[in-house]
């Protein structure tokens, strides 16, 4: 795709140092963007930032817990300050099985439901609000891309909290598009099927992928390429949409229920 993000400044928040976030950090750097990498583990953020600098762009590492509103505000503020601007926000971290056990709706606890919403939707809304303030103050527009899931567009047996949170993510993107498009601000979602990351593979160690027409999980690089597309002017007339990357799974349905 070339340096389609040349001259831009990107914050990759929520797991920016590992898995999909690491791949996104590499991809936006290769596309020419300066990048701030935010991860709960500073070591991972430092490693990802070092890879980005090797691509010839400015890159900084930030550490913070996205479950904290104050830390999200700090991360967005520091990214904009250290990079000199903020043009792109990418939110990454999410999931259910890596955080709480699978459970039917009548068995899931309030604490587990709240945690799933914290790491899939609530932190995204907070990061988006913080970025919107920066974008509006700069007056030069901005782009938001969130990593979502096909689970948000179908019933989600034993993962109802995850599905509900991801459905909310797509709704949030539509609302941002409706409210801020005239300010040059766009938001879209990359709606993923299974992705081959260490965390996902550990959580779904015995899962069969025969239900996916392509017969495999997606790669983190495939997700990262889609993020760069939605973050750049290659998608300048797209906002409020969910781009599905699932190997053809939703073309046939239904998803496996266990």
C-alpha atoms as a PDB file:
ATOM      1  CA  UNK A   1       0.000   0.000   0.000  1.00  0.00           C
ATOM      2  CA  UNK A   2       3.015   2.283   0.224  1.00  0.00           C
ATOM      3  CA  UNK A   3       3.349   5.114   2.711  1.00  0.00           C
ATOM      4  CA  UNK A   4      -0.365   5.952   2.771  1.00  0.00           C
ATOM      5  CA  UNK A   5      -0.032   7.321   6.320  1.00  0.00           C
ATOM      6  CA  UNK A   6       3.053   9.482   5.692  1.00  0.00           C
ATOM      7  CA  UNK A   7       3.112  12.510   7.963  1.00  0.00           C
ATOM      8  CA  UNK A   8       0.416  11.140  10.258  1.00  0.00           C
ATOM      9  CA  UNK A   9       0.577  10.365  13.977  1.00  0.00           C
ATOM     10  CA  UNK A  10      -1.128   7.222  15.276  1.00  0.00           C
ATOM     11  CA  UNK A  11      -1.948   5.933  18.758  1.00  0.00           C
ATOM     12  CA  UNK A  12      -2.389   2.161  19.007  1.00  0.00           C
ATOM     13  CA  UNK A  13      -4.069   1.668  22.368  1.00  0.00           C
ATOM     14  CA  UNK A  14      -4.988  -1.470  24.262  1.00  0.00           C
ATOM     15  CA  UNK A  15      -2.505  -4.262  23.654  1.00  0.00           C
ATOM     16  CA  UNK A  16      -0.475  -2.234  21.194  1.00  0.00           C
ATOM     17  CA  UNK A  17       2.616  -4.284  21.982  1.00  0.00           C
ATOM     18  CA  UNK A  18       1.359  -7.789  21.296  1.00  0.00           C
ATOM     19  CA  UNK A  19      -0.733  -9.904  18.939  1.00  0.00           C
ATOM     20  CA  UNK A  20      -2.929  -7.848  16.623  1.00  0.00           C
ATOM     21  CA  UNK A  21      -1.679  -4.626  18.232  1.00  0.00           C
ATOM     22  CA  UNK A  22       1.946  -5.466  17.451  1.00  0.00           C
ATOM     23  CA  UNK A  23       1.046  -6.182  13.830  1.00  0.00           C
ATOM     24  CA  UNK A  24      -0.920  -2.926  13.602  1.00  0.00           C
ATOM     25  CA  UNK A  25       2.018  -0.987  15.051  1.00  0.00           C
ATOM     26  CA  UNK A  26       4.350  -2.466  12.434  1.00  0.00           C
ATOM     27  CA  UNK A  27       1.867  -1.806   9.640  1.00  0.00           C
ATOM     28  CA  UNK A  28       1.171   1.846  10.435  1.00  0.00           C
ATOM     29  CA  UNK A  29       4.907   2.464  10.792  1.00  0.00           C
ATOM     30  CA  UNK A  30       5.542   0.815   7.425  1.00  0.00           C
ATOM     31  CA  UNK A  31       2.804   3.069   6.018  1.00  0.00           C
ATOM     32  CA  UNK A  32       4.804   6.110   7.184  1.00  0.00           C
ATOM     33  CA  UNK A  33       3.013   7.100  10.382  1.00  0.00           C
ATOM     34  CA  UNK A  34       4.677   8.119  13.610  1.00  0.00           C
ATOM     35  CA  UNK A  35       3.247   5.892  16.315  1.00  0.00           C
ATOM     36  CA  UNK A  36       2.602   5.779  20.050  1.00  0.00           C
ATOM     37  CA  UNK A  37       2.227   2.224  21.350  1.00  0.00           C
ATOM     38  CA  UNK A  38       0.145   1.827  24.510  1.00  0.00           C
ATOM     39  CA  UNK A  39       0.129  -1.494  26.365  1.00  0.00           C
ATOM     40  CA  UNK A  40      -0.446  -2.548  29.958  1.00  0.00           C
ATOM     41  CA  UNK A  41       3.058  -4.062  29.836  1.00  0.00           C
ATOM     42  CA  UNK A  42       5.715  -1.409  29.192  1.00  0.00           C
ATOM     43  CA  UNK A  43       8.192  -4.031  27.988  1.00  0.00           C
ATOM     44  CA  UNK A  44       5.909  -5.103  25.154  1.00  0.00           C
ATOM     45  CA  UNK A  45       5.251  -1.477  24.239  1.00  0.00           C
ATOM     46  CA  UNK A  46       8.990  -0.751  24.157  1.00  0.00           C
ATOM     47  CA  UNK A  47       9.668  -3.729  21.890  1.00  0.00           C
ATOM     48  CA  UNK A  48       6.918  -2.711  19.465  1.00  0.00           C
ATOM     49  CA  UNK A  49       8.100   0.906  19.445  1.00  0.00           C
ATOM     50  CA  UNK A  50      11.649  -0.228  18.695  1.00  0.00           C
ATOM     51  CA  UNK A  51      10.384  -2.212  15.688  1.00  0.00           C
ATOM     52  CA  UNK A  52       8.506   0.858  14.469  1.00  0.00           C
ATOM     53  CA  UNK A  53      11.600   3.064  14.808  1.00  0.00           C
ATOM     54  CA  UNK A  54      13.512   0.529  12.722  1.00  0.00           C
ATOM     55  CA  UNK A  55      11.035   1.344   9.939  1.00  0.00           C
ATOM     56  CA  UNK A  56      12.276   4.935  10.061  1.00  0.00           C
ATOM     57  CA  UNK A  57       9.433   6.659  11.919  1.00  0.00           C
ATOM     58  CA  UNK A  58       9.178   8.287  15.319  1.00  0.00           C
ATOM     59  CA  UNK A  59       7.763   5.833  17.854  1.00  0.00           C
ATOM     60  CA  UNK A  60       7.187   6.032  21.586  1.00  0.00           C
ATOM     61  CA  UNK A  61       6.094   3.477  24.179  1.00  0.00           C
ATOM     62  CA  UNK A  62       3.374   4.192  26.730  1.00  0.00           C
ATOM     63  CA  UNK A  63       2.141   2.017  29.582  1.00  0.00           C
ATOM     64  CA  UNK A  64      -1.339   2.106  31.055  1.00  0.00           C
ATOM     65  CA  UNK A  65      -4.427   0.122  32.004  1.00  0.00           C
ATOM     66  CA  UNK A  66      -7.339   0.841  29.663  1.00  0.00           C
ATOM     67  CA  UNK A  67      -9.819  -0.052  32.402  1.00  0.00           C
ATOM     68  CA  UNK A  68      -8.958   3.307  34.002  1.00  0.00           C
ATOM     69  CA  UNK A  69     -10.550   6.456  32.576  1.00  0.00           C
ATOM     70  CA  UNK A  70      -7.763   8.619  34.005  1.00  0.00           C
ATOM     71  CA  UNK A  71      -5.085   6.457  32.367  1.00  0.00           C
ATOM     72  CA  UNK A  72      -6.845   6.540  29.004  1.00  0.00           C
ATOM     73  CA  UNK A  73      -7.005  10.329  29.138  1.00  0.00           C
ATOM     74  CA  UNK A  74      -3.289  10.377  30.026  1.00  0.00           C
ATOM     75  CA  UNK A  75      -2.348   8.006  27.207  1.00  0.00           C
ATOM     76  CA  UNK A  76      -4.201  10.027  24.571  1.00  0.00           C
ATOM     77  CA  UNK A  77      -2.784  13.299  25.896  1.00  0.00           C
ATOM     78  CA  UNK A  78       0.787  11.969  26.044  1.00  0.00           C
ATOM     79  CA  UNK A  79       0.551  10.498  22.551  1.00  0.00           C
ATOM     80  CA  UNK A  80      -0.604  13.809  21.076  1.00  0.00           C
ATOM     81  CA  UNK A  81       2.001  15.764  23.018  1.00  0.00           C
ATOM     82  CA  UNK A  82       4.975  13.486  22.291  1.00  0.00           C
ATOM     83  CA  UNK A  83       4.129  13.027  18.602  1.00  0.00           C
ATOM     84  CA  UNK A  84       3.172  16.669  18.091  1.00  0.00           C
ATOM     85  CA  UNK A  85      -0.339  15.767  16.899  1.00  0.00           C
ATOM     86  CA  UNK A  86      -2.811  12.906  16.777  1.00  0.00           C
ATOM     87  CA  UNK A  87      -4.404  11.885  13.483  1.00  0.00           C
ATOM     88  CA  UNK A  88      -5.324   8.232  13.965  1.00  0.00           C
ATOM     89  CA  UNK A  89      -6.600   6.241  16.941  1.00  0.00           C
ATOM     90  CA  UNK A  90      -6.605   2.445  16.784  1.00  0.00           C
ATOM     91  CA  UNK A  91      -8.227   0.471  19.620  1.00  0.00           C
ATOM     92  CA  UNK A  92      -7.236  -3.171  19.769  1.00  0.00           C
ATOM     93  CA  UNK A  93      -7.639  -5.178  22.966  1.00  0.00           C
ATOM     94  CA  UNK A  94     -10.776  -7.247  23.493  1.00  0.00           C
ATOM     95  CA  UNK A  95     -12.120 -10.750  23.975  1.00  0.00           C
ATOM     96  CA  UNK A  96     -13.946 -12.790  26.576  1.00  0.00           C
ATOM     97  CA  UNK A  97     -12.338 -16.181  27.040  1.00  0.00           C
ATOM     98  CA  UNK A  98      -8.960 -14.618  27.823  1.00  0.00           C
ATOM     99  CA  UNK A  99     -10.539 -12.702  30.715  1.00  0.00           C
ATOM    100  CA  UNK A 100     -13.525 -14.666  32.046  1.00  0.00           C
ATOM    101  CA  UNK A 101     -14.915 -18.177  31.522  1.00  0.00           C
ATOM    102  CA  UNK A 102     -17.580 -19.006  28.985  1.00  0.00           C
ATOM    103  CA  UNK A 103     -21.008 -19.024  30.624  1.00  0.00           C
ATOM    104  CA  UNK A 104     -24.638 -19.013  29.662  1.00  0.00           C
ATOM    105  CA  UNK A 105     -26.442 -15.745  30.301  1.00  0.00           C
ATOM    106  CA  UNK A 106     -28.175 -16.950  33.476  1.00  0.00           C
ATOM    107  CA  UNK A 107     -24.833 -17.987  34.969  1.00  0.00           C
ATOM    108  CA  UNK A 108     -22.555 -15.058  34.122  1.00  0.00           C
ATOM    109  CA  UNK A 109     -21.790 -12.863  37.129  1.00  0.00           C
ATOM    110  CA  UNK A 110     -22.095  -9.096  37.223  1.00  0.00           C
ATOM    111  CA  UNK A 111     -18.349  -8.806  37.783  1.00  0.00           C
ATOM    112  CA  UNK A 112     -17.541 -10.931  34.729  1.00  0.00           C
ATOM    113  CA  UNK A 113     -20.069  -9.039  32.574  1.00  0.00           C
ATOM    114  CA  UNK A 114     -18.597  -5.704  33.656  1.00  0.00           C
ATOM    115  CA  UNK A 115     -15.020  -6.848  32.981  1.00  0.00           C
ATOM    116  CA  UNK A 116     -15.913  -7.987  29.467  1.00  0.00           C
ATOM    117  CA  UNK A 117     -17.572  -4.635  28.781  1.00  0.00           C
ATOM    118  CA  UNK A 118     -14.576  -2.793  30.272  1.00  0.00           C
ATOM    119  CA  UNK A 119     -12.079  -4.440  27.916  1.00  0.00           C
ATOM    120  CA  UNK A 120     -14.254  -4.458  24.788  1.00  0.00           C
ATOM    121  CA  UNK A 121     -16.480  -1.380  24.766  1.00  0.00           C
ATOM    122  CA  UNK A 122     -16.167   0.941  27.738  1.00  0.00           C
ATOM    123  CA  UNK A 123     -12.481   1.697  27.224  1.00  0.00           C
ATOM    124  CA  UNK A 124     -13.067   2.257  23.503  1.00  0.00           C
ATOM    125  CA  UNK A 125     -15.776   4.817  24.212  1.00  0.00           C
ATOM    126  CA  UNK A 126     -13.475   6.622  26.627  1.00  0.00           C
ATOM    127  CA  UNK A 127     -10.547   6.589  24.201  1.00  0.00           C
ATOM    128  CA  UNK A 128     -12.788   7.805  21.391  1.00  0.00           C
ATOM    129  CA  UNK A 129     -14.077  10.686  23.521  1.00  0.00           C
ATOM    130  CA  UNK A 130     -10.544  11.695  24.455  1.00  0.00           C
ATOM    131  CA  UNK A 131      -9.383  11.506  20.821  1.00  0.00           C
ATOM    132  CA  UNK A 132     -12.387  13.490  19.609  1.00  0.00           C
ATOM    133  CA  UNK A 133     -11.394  16.356  21.904  1.00  0.00           C
ATOM    134  CA  UNK A 134      -7.900  16.334  20.363  1.00  0.00           C
ATOM    135  CA  UNK A 135      -9.200  16.062  16.791  1.00  0.00           C
ATOM    136  CA  UNK A 136     -11.672  18.926  17.257  1.00  0.00           C
ATOM    137  CA  UNK A 137      -9.073  21.141  18.918  1.00  0.00           C
ATOM    138  CA  UNK A 138      -6.589  20.505  16.098  1.00  0.00           C
ATOM    139  CA  UNK A 139      -9.273  21.204  13.498  1.00  0.00           C
ATOM    140  CA  UNK A 140      -7.695  18.843  10.968  1.00  0.00           C
ATOM    141  CA  UNK A 141     -10.016  15.856  11.264  1.00  0.00           C
ATOM    142  CA  UNK A 142      -9.010  12.385  12.355  1.00  0.00           C
ATOM    143  CA  UNK A 143      -9.630   8.694  11.900  1.00  0.00           C
ATOM    144  CA  UNK A 144     -10.598   6.001  14.398  1.00  0.00           C
ATOM    145  CA  UNK A 145     -10.378   2.276  13.715  1.00  0.00           C
ATOM    146  CA  UNK A 146     -11.518  -0.289  16.282  1.00  0.00           C
ATOM    147  CA  UNK A 147     -10.867  -4.004  16.185  1.00  0.00           C
ATOM    148  CA  UNK A 148     -14.226  -5.732  16.579  1.00  0.00           C
ATOM    149  CA  UNK A 149     -15.678  -9.193  16.022  1.00  0.00           C
ATOM    150  CA  UNK A 150     -18.246 -10.988  13.906  1.00  0.00           C
ATOM    151  CA  UNK A 151     -19.629 -12.145  17.265  1.00  0.00           C
ATOM    152  CA  UNK A 152     -21.218  -8.715  17.538  1.00  0.00           C
ATOM    153  CA  UNK A 153     -23.494  -9.377  14.577  1.00  0.00           C
ATOM    154  CA  UNK A 154     -24.914 -12.755  15.622  1.00  0.00           C
ATOM    155  CA  UNK A 155     -26.131 -14.565  18.708  1.00  0.00           C
ATOM    156  CA  UNK A 156     -23.237 -15.516  20.943  1.00  0.00           C
ATOM    157  CA  UNK A 157     -23.952 -18.638  23.045  1.00  0.00           C
ATOM    158  CA  UNK A 158     -21.790 -18.653  26.204  1.00  0.00           C
ATOM    159  CA  UNK A 159     -20.256 -15.323  25.122  1.00  0.00           C
ATOM    160  CA  UNK A 160     -23.240 -12.989  25.370  1.00  0.00           C
ATOM    161  CA  UNK A 161     -21.300 -10.224  27.098  1.00  0.00           C
ATOM    162  CA  UNK A 162     -18.652 -10.251  24.384  1.00  0.00           C
ATOM    163  CA  UNK A 163     -21.216 -10.218  21.598  1.00  0.00           C
ATOM    164  CA  UNK A 164     -23.191  -7.399  23.202  1.00  0.00           C
ATOM    165  CA  UNK A 165     -20.052  -5.324  23.700  1.00  0.00           C
ATOM    166  CA  UNK A 166     -18.893  -5.801  20.107  1.00  0.00           C
ATOM    167  CA  UNK A 167     -22.357  -4.920  18.810  1.00  0.00           C
ATOM    168  CA  UNK A 168     -22.073  -1.725  20.831  1.00  0.00           C
ATOM    169  CA  UNK A 169     -18.729  -1.012  19.184  1.00  0.00           C
ATOM    170  CA  UNK A 170     -20.307  -1.022  15.728  1.00  0.00           C
ATOM    171  CA  UNK A 171     -23.112   1.214  16.968  1.00  0.00           C
ATOM    172  CA  UNK A 172     -20.563   3.639  18.415  1.00  0.00           C
ATOM    173  CA  UNK A 173     -18.832   3.856  15.029  1.00  0.00           C
ATOM    174  CA  UNK A 174     -22.130   4.682  13.342  1.00  0.00           C
ATOM    175  CA  UNK A 175     -22.815   7.420  15.877  1.00  0.00           C
ATOM    176  CA  UNK A 176     -19.367   8.946  15.410  1.00  0.00           C
ATOM    177  CA  UNK A 177     -19.940   8.959  11.651  1.00  0.00           C
ATOM    178  CA  UNK A 178     -23.327  10.624  12.089  1.00  0.00           C
ATOM    179  CA  UNK A 179     -22.066  13.307  14.468  1.00  0.00           C
ATOM    180  CA  UNK A 180     -18.550  14.173  13.285  1.00  0.00           C
ATOM    181  CA  UNK A 181     -18.269  13.536   9.555  1.00  0.00           C
ATOM    182  CA  UNK A 182     -18.527  17.244   8.775  1.00  0.00           C
ATOM    183  CA  UNK A 183     -15.530  17.772  11.064  1.00  0.00           C
ATOM    184  CA  UNK A 184     -13.483  15.421   8.894  1.00  0.00           C
ATOM    185  CA  UNK A 185     -13.601  12.665  11.526  1.00  0.00           C
ATOM    186  CA  UNK A 186     -14.289   9.051  10.583  1.00  0.00           C
ATOM    187  CA  UNK A 187     -14.700   5.849  12.604  1.00  0.00           C
ATOM    188  CA  UNK A 188     -14.877   2.291  11.324  1.00  0.00           C
ATOM    189  CA  UNK A 189     -14.606  -1.210  12.761  1.00  0.00           C
ATOM    190  CA  UNK A 190     -12.582  -4.195  11.565  1.00  0.00           C
ATOM    191  CA  UNK A 191     -14.974  -7.045  12.353  1.00  0.00           C
ATOM    192  CA  UNK A 192     -12.832 -10.157  12.743  1.00  0.00           C
ATOM    193  CA  UNK A 193     -13.477 -13.844  12.710  1.00  0.00           C
ATOM    194  CA  UNK A 194     -10.930 -16.101  14.459  1.00  0.00           C
ATOM    195  CA  UNK A 195      -7.424 -14.623  14.361  1.00  0.00           C
ATOM    196  CA  UNK A 196      -4.240 -16.585  15.020  1.00  0.00           C
ATOM    197  CA  UNK A 197      -2.777 -14.853  18.074  1.00  0.00           C
ATOM    198  CA  UNK A 198      -1.153 -16.560  21.085  1.00  0.00           C
ATOM    199  CA  UNK A 199      -3.987 -15.450  23.372  1.00  0.00           C
ATOM    200  CA  UNK A 200      -6.745 -16.587  20.996  1.00  0.00           C
ATOM    201  CA  UNK A 201      -5.075 -19.910  20.309  1.00  0.00           C
ATOM    202  CA  UNK A 202      -4.734 -20.598  24.037  1.00  0.00           C
ATOM    203  CA  UNK A 203      -8.372 -19.681  24.682  1.00  0.00           C
ATOM    204  CA  UNK A 204      -9.641 -21.790  21.763  1.00  0.00           C
ATOM    205  CA  UNK A 205      -7.107 -24.603  21.847  1.00  0.00           C
ATOM    206  CA  UNK A 206      -9.640 -27.260  20.852  1.00  0.00           C
ATOM    207  CA  UNK A 207     -11.740 -25.219  18.445  1.00  0.00           C
ATOM    208  CA  UNK A 208     -12.301 -26.593  14.961  1.00  0.00           C
ATOM    209  CA  UNK A 209     -12.132 -24.207  12.015  1.00  0.00           C
ATOM    210  CA  UNK A 210     -13.960 -26.356   9.476  1.00  0.00           C
ATOM    211  CA  UNK A 211     -16.903 -23.936   9.646  1.00  0.00           C
ATOM    212  CA  UNK A 212     -14.752 -21.245   8.000  1.00  0.00           C
ATOM    213  CA  UNK A 213     -14.818 -21.565   4.187  1.00  0.00           C
ATOM    214  CA  UNK A 214     -11.116 -20.719   3.948  1.00  0.00           C
ATOM    215  CA  UNK A 215     -10.434 -23.379   6.584  1.00  0.00           C
ATOM    216  CA  UNK A 216      -8.127 -21.258   8.707  1.00  0.00           C
ATOM    217  CA  UNK A 217      -7.923 -18.363  11.125  1.00  0.00           C
ATOM    218  CA  UNK A 218      -6.887 -14.952   9.871  1.00  0.00           C
ATOM    219  CA  UNK A 219      -3.380 -13.675  10.451  1.00  0.00           C
ATOM    220  CA  UNK A 220      -2.545 -10.597  12.495  1.00  0.00           C
ATOM    221  CA  UNK A 221      -0.952  -9.069   9.398  1.00  0.00           C
ATOM    222  CA  UNK A 222      -4.219  -9.431   7.479  1.00  0.00           C
ATOM    223  CA  UNK A 223      -6.049  -7.554  10.216  1.00  0.00           C
ATOM    224  CA  UNK A 224      -3.332  -4.886  10.339  1.00  0.00           C
ATOM    225  CA  UNK A 225      -3.546  -4.292   6.583  1.00  0.00           C
ATOM    226  CA  UNK A 226      -7.283  -3.685   6.929  1.00  0.00           C
ATOM    227  CA  UNK A 227      -6.635  -1.230   9.765  1.00  0.00           C
ATOM    228  CA  UNK A 228      -4.194   0.743   7.606  1.00  0.00           C
ATOM    229  CA  UNK A 229      -6.741   0.829   4.781  1.00  0.00           C
ATOM    230  CA  UNK A 230      -9.452   2.224   7.066  1.00  0.00           C
ATOM    231  CA  UNK A 231      -7.047   4.658   8.734  1.00  0.00           C
ATOM    232  CA  UNK A 232      -5.838   6.145   5.452  1.00  0.00           C
ATOM    233  CA  UNK A 233      -7.310   8.198   2.617  1.00  0.00           C
ATOM    234  CA  UNK A 234      -7.701   4.954   0.675  1.00  0.00           C
ATOM    235  CA  UNK A 235     -11.022   4.716   2.540  1.00  0.00           C
ATOM    236  CA  UNK A 236     -11.804   8.446   2.666  1.00  0.00           C
ATOM    237  CA  UNK A 237     -15.517   7.970   1.830  1.00  0.00           C
ATOM    238  CA  UNK A 238     -16.079   5.177   4.350  1.00  0.00           C
ATOM    239  CA  UNK A 239     -17.332   5.889   7.870  1.00  0.00           C
ATOM    240  CA  UNK A 240     -19.575   4.182  10.386  1.00  0.00           C
ATOM    241  CA  UNK A 241     -19.003   0.785   8.780  1.00  0.00           C
ATOM    242  CA  UNK A 242     -17.830  -2.656   9.872  1.00  0.00           C
ATOM    243  CA  UNK A 243     -15.390  -4.285   7.469  1.00  0.00           C
ATOM    244  CA  UNK A 244     -15.715  -8.053   7.910  1.00  0.00           C
ATOM    245  CA  UNK A 245     -12.554 -10.197   7.811  1.00  0.00           C
ATOM    246  CA  UNK A 246     -13.642 -13.752   8.507  1.00  0.00           C
ATOM    247  CA  UNK A 247     -12.515 -16.070   5.716  1.00  0.00           C
ATOM    248  CA  UNK A 248     -16.055 -16.190   4.357  1.00  0.00           C
ATOM    249  CA  UNK A 249     -17.652 -17.430   7.606  1.00  0.00           C
ATOM    250  CA  UNK A 250     -20.561 -14.976   7.689  1.00  0.00           C
ATOM    251  CA  UNK A 251     -21.261 -15.647   4.023  1.00  0.00           C
ATOM    252  CA  UNK A 252     -22.649 -19.052   4.970  1.00  0.00           C
ATOM    253  CA  UNK A 253     -23.399 -19.160   8.743  1.00  0.00           C
ATOM    254  CA  UNK A 254     -24.449 -20.203  11.247  1.00  0.00           C
ATOM    255  CA  UNK A 255     -21.479 -20.022  13.603  1.00  0.00           C
ATOM    256  CA  UNK A 256     -20.750 -23.003  15.862  1.00  0.00           C
ATOM    257  CA  UNK A 257     -22.577 -22.728  19.182  1.00  0.00           C
ATOM    258  CA  UNK A 258     -20.141 -24.665  21.338  1.00  0.00           C
END
